[in-house]
Amino acid sequence: MGESKMVNDEKQKARSIKVKVNGREVSLNPFATHILGNTIWAMISSLKLEEDPNRIEIELSQ
């Protein structure tokens, strides 16, 4: 069953994600970490950048 799952090493890199709301860190489960990480990396990688991203920082304010 596990053998049928083909995995691209690049997509499976360990991602470190830290989310803070009003200065307090929010705990993320593995699913949320996976979804947020892959979504953000996909959006950033579609941009025309001078170099490949290694670290991404996003700050949202209302």
C-alpha atoms as a PDB file:
ATOM      1  CA  MET A   1       0.000   0.000   0.000  1.00  0.00           C
ATOM      2  CA  GLY A   2       2.775   2.465   0.871  1.00  0.00           C
ATOM      3  CA  GLU A   3       4.749   1.493  -2.235  1.00  0.00           C
ATOM      4  CA  SER A   4       2.089   2.838  -4.596  1.00  0.00           C
ATOM      5  CA  LYS A   5       2.674   6.354  -3.322  1.00  0.00           C
ATOM      6  CA  MET A   6       5.311   8.066  -5.453  1.00  0.00           C
ATOM      7  CA  VAL A   7       6.909  11.012  -3.673  1.00  0.00           C
ATOM      8  CA  ASN A   8       8.947  13.873  -5.118  1.00  0.00           C
ATOM      9  CA  ASP A   9      11.818  14.550  -2.682  1.00  0.00           C
ATOM     10  CA  GLU A  10      11.691  18.301  -3.370  1.00  0.00           C
ATOM     11  CA  LYS A  11       8.035  18.514  -2.331  1.00  0.00           C
ATOM     12  CA  GLN A  12       8.609  16.457   0.802  1.00  0.00           C
ATOM     13  CA  LYS A  13      11.261  18.700   2.366  1.00  0.00           C
ATOM     14  CA  ALA A  14      10.633  19.306   6.038  1.00  0.00           C
ATOM     15  CA  ARG A  15       8.997  22.677   6.368  1.00  0.00           C
ATOM     16  CA  SER A  16       9.243  24.767   9.475  1.00  0.00           C
ATOM     17  CA  ILE A  17       6.211  27.013   9.840  1.00  0.00           C
ATOM     18  CA  LYS A  18       5.552  29.466  12.636  1.00  0.00           C
ATOM     19  CA  VAL A  19       2.239  31.318  12.817  1.00  0.00           C
ATOM     20  CA  LYS A  20       1.698  34.113  15.309  1.00  0.00           C
ATOM     21  CA  VAL A  21      -1.583  35.900  15.955  1.00  0.00           C
ATOM     22  CA  ASN A  22      -1.346  39.119  17.966  1.00  0.00           C
ATOM     23  CA  GLY A  23       2.204  38.159  18.922  1.00  0.00           C
ATOM     24  CA  ARG A  24       1.277  34.706  20.240  1.00  0.00           C
ATOM     25  CA  GLU A  25       2.412  31.582  18.458  1.00  0.00           C
ATOM     26  CA  VAL A  26      -0.395  29.323  17.235  1.00  0.00           C
ATOM     27  CA  SER A  27       0.139  25.576  17.353  1.00  0.00           C
ATOM     28  CA  LEU A  28      -0.330  23.848  13.990  1.00  0.00           C
ATOM     29  CA  ASN A  29      -1.071  20.173  13.481  1.00  0.00           C
ATOM     30  CA  PRO A  30       0.780  18.251  10.735  1.00  0.00           C
ATOM     31  CA  PHE A  31      -2.087  18.671   8.250  1.00  0.00           C
ATOM     32  CA  ALA A  32      -2.223  22.465   8.683  1.00  0.00           C
ATOM     33  CA  THR A  33       1.573  22.658   8.464  1.00  0.00           C
ATOM     34  CA  HIS A  34       1.545  20.648   5.225  1.00  0.00           C
ATOM     35  CA  ILE A  35      -1.271  22.651   3.615  1.00  0.00           C
ATOM     36  CA  LEU A  36       0.091  26.072   4.607  1.00  0.00           C
ATOM     37  CA  GLY A  37       3.659  25.199   3.685  1.00  0.00           C
ATOM     38  CA  ASN A  38       2.866  23.769   0.273  1.00  0.00           C
ATOM     39  CA  THR A  39       0.414  26.549  -0.591  1.00  0.00           C
ATOM     40  CA  ILE A  40       2.768  29.369   0.351  1.00  0.00           C
ATOM     41  CA  TRP A  41       5.789  27.772  -1.356  1.00  0.00           C
ATOM     42  CA  ALA A  42       3.736  27.189  -4.521  1.00  0.00           C
ATOM     43  CA  MET A  43       2.589  30.820  -4.636  1.00  0.00           C
ATOM     44  CA  ILE A  44       6.098  32.185  -4.028  1.00  0.00           C
ATOM     45  CA  SER A  45       7.730  29.819  -6.520  1.00  0.00           C
ATOM     46  CA  SER A  46       5.418  31.138  -9.259  1.00  0.00           C
ATOM     47  CA  LEU A  47       6.925  34.626  -8.836  1.00  0.00           C
ATOM     48  CA  LYS A  48       9.831  35.744 -10.987  1.00  0.00           C
ATOM     49  CA  LEU A  49      12.565  36.067  -8.372  1.00  0.00           C
ATOM     50  CA  GLU A  50      16.286  36.618  -8.851  1.00  0.00           C
ATOM     51  CA  GLU A  51      17.077  33.599  -6.667  1.00  0.00           C
ATOM     52  CA  ASP A  52      15.298  30.567  -5.257  1.00  0.00           C
ATOM     53  CA  PRO A  53      13.591  31.242  -1.932  1.00  0.00           C
ATOM     54  CA  ASN A  54      15.084  29.652   1.160  1.00  0.00           C
ATOM     55  CA  ARG A  55      13.137  31.523   3.811  1.00  0.00           C
ATOM     56  CA  ILE A  56       9.797  33.295   3.407  1.00  0.00           C
ATOM     57  CA  GLU A  57       8.389  35.803   5.873  1.00  0.00           C
ATOM     58  CA  ILE A  58       4.802  37.020   5.605  1.00  0.00           C
ATOM     59  CA  GLU A  59       3.220  39.585   7.878  1.00  0.00           C
ATOM     60  CA  LEU A  60      -0.487  40.411   7.655  1.00  0.00           C
ATOM     61  CA  SER A  61      -2.080  43.344   9.440  1.00  0.00           C
ATOM     62  CA  GLN A  62      -5.625  44.553   9.577  1.00  0.00           C
END
